[in-house]
Amino acid sequence: MIIEAHGLRKTFTARRGGEPIEAVKGVDLRVAAGQIFAVLGPNGAGKTTTIRMLATLVPPTEGVAKVAGHDVARDPARVRENIGYVGQGGGVDENAPARAGLVLAARLGGMSRRHARIRAEELIAAFDLADFADRPVRTLSGGQKRRVALAVGLVNRPPLFFLDEPTTGLDPQNRAHLWDEVRSLRARGTTILLTTHYLEEADALCDRLVIIDHGRVVAEGSPAELKKEVAGDVVTLRLAGAAEPARALLSGLPYVREVRTEGETLRAYLGGERDLPHLLRALEAGGLAIDAISLDRATLDDVFLRHTGRSLRDAG
């Protein structure tokens, strides 16, 4: 395991006599080397605080964690030697060109001037930065800035790379390009721990993930394992009348595994799509009219809904 954390807690002291804020409430994590591992959850769930504790940027209030074999509290310098970190803000000098920023990062990492220039050129080629490597970073697009930030974070060839909300604010094309870069890093042996509130990102990229909510881990596993727990297919219904009579009716059907109501919308979890005609006939026999209906495979949002009682897409 390249990351092992047990009982991580972080409490921030409030200003002017306010109540302390417990941002992380006892998180356990085990991340194997060579994985892409995601911490998935809504904004404010404690994802960034968790990753900052593991990266030695903030000390834990309680709990222990080892990163690359080193204790984050007792030996933070050795931890930093083995990690790269790109926060939500990117962490690059907006006024300097990408090439100069890469050379500076390499020099700060202990490389000679010659080796720093060689390493900068390697990263410029790897991340396709040559066309804008000598322009001030502030003049670049969001996707280009993110690629520069990734390159800076990888200057010291870390075995472990932390990415905090790596695609926030990127358009779909740049997001897809960054996903390709992340997969390439894993193919070269780098372990990646990323935080995200994008369901599709966690599903598409990750070998394993934890879902975190209100500072606690509520689910852990591979995307496929977590979705399998929910059940096969999900029927989403909007009914002409109140949803509660339909909920009561469907809850009694043998092929409906679970029913949830969100306002006027009802979600029924079936064993498979073959059960849909039976469900429709049951609603018709019960005199319940349907305004809209859709059939989908279970998603990570269904997993989040099952464990928290609300949709991750709607969680603030």
Foldseek 3Di string as FASTA:
>chain_A
DQKWWWQFWAWADDPPPDDIATQAGIETDDDDFLFAEEAAFAPSLNRVVVVCCQLLNDPTPDIWMHGRRHTSVPCVVVNNLQEFEAAPVLPFQQFFFLLVRQLVLLVVNPDDSVVSNVLSVVLCVVLVVVVGRGPRNNPDDPLSSLSSSVSSRCSSPHLEYEAEASCPPHDPVSVVVVLVVVVVSSVVRHYYYYYHHDQVSQLPRGQKYFYTGNNYTQDIDGQVVLLVVLAWKKKKFQWPDACVVLQVQLVPDPQFPDWADDGRIIITHGNYPVCVVVSVVSCVVVVIGTPDMDMDTGTVQSSVCVRPVDGSVPDD
